[in-house]
Amino acid sequence: MVGTEKYCSDECKAKRENLIRKKKRQLLMLYFGSFIAFAVVIVIWLWGA
C-alpha cells in the first residue's frame, strides 16, 4: 500500500478488502457473543432471585 489508499495492484486491493471484511465479521461475532453471554447471565440471575 502506498500513499493514501493506493494499491500496487488489483490483487493487493482485493486482499486488503478481504482482510477488512474478515476483521469486521470477527468484531460483529465478538459483539454478538458478548450480548448472548450478558443475556444468559441476566436470565440466570433473574431466575435465581
Protein backbone atom coordinates (compact mmCIF):
# COMPACT_ATOMS: atom_id res chain seq x y z
CA MET A 1 0.00 0.00 0.00
CA VAL A 2 1.45 3.36 -0.99
CA GLY A 3 0.21 6.80 -0.01
CA THR A 4 -3.45 7.27 0.72
CA GLU A 5 -5.37 4.12 -0.16
CA LYS A 6 -3.50 3.47 -3.40
CA TYR A 7 -2.61 -0.14 -4.05
CA CYS A 8 0.19 -1.63 -6.12
CA SER A 9 -2.28 -3.88 -7.96
CA ASP A 10 -5.86 -5.07 -8.02
CA GLU A 11 -4.70 -8.21 -6.23
CA CYS A 12 -3.32 -6.13 -3.33
CA LYS A 13 -6.57 -4.19 -3.15
CA ALA A 14 -8.66 -7.38 -3.14
CA LYS A 15 -6.52 -8.92 -0.40
CA ARG A 16 -6.88 -5.80 1.74
CA GLU A 17 -10.65 -5.66 1.22
CA ASN A 18 -10.96 -9.33 2.17
CA LEU A 19 -8.91 -8.71 5.32
CA ILE A 20 -11.12 -5.76 6.26
CA ARG A 21 -14.28 -7.85 5.71
CA LYS A 22 -12.84 -10.64 7.87
CA LYS A 23 -12.00 -8.19 10.69
CA LYS A 24 -15.49 -6.67 10.56
CA ARG A 25 -17.05 -10.14 10.72
CA GLN A 26 -14.87 -11.04 13.72
CA LEU A 27 -15.88 -7.85 15.51
CA LEU A 28 -19.55 -8.50 14.82
CA MET A 29 -19.23 -12.04 16.21
CA LEU A 30 -17.48 -10.66 19.32
CA TYR A 31 -20.34 -8.20 19.89
CA PHE A 32 -22.96 -10.88 19.30
CA GLY A 33 -21.20 -13.36 21.60
CA SER A 34 -20.86 -10.74 24.33
CA PHE A 35 -24.54 -9.86 24.06
CA ILE A 36 -25.56 -13.53 24.31
CA ALA A 37 -23.28 -14.11 27.31
CA PHE A 38 -24.67 -11.00 29.03
CA ALA A 39 -28.25 -12.11 28.33
CA VAL A 40 -27.55 -15.58 29.76
CA VAL A 41 -26.05 -14.08 32.93
CA ILE A 42 -29.08 -11.80 33.38
CA VAL A 43 -31.53 -14.68 32.86
CA ILE A 44 -29.67 -16.88 35.35
CA TRP A 45 -29.50 -14.02 37.83
CA LEU A 46 -33.25 -13.29 37.49
CA TRP A 47 -34.16 -16.95 37.64
CA GLY A 48 -32.22 -17.39 40.87
CA ALA A 49 -33.70 -14.29 42.50
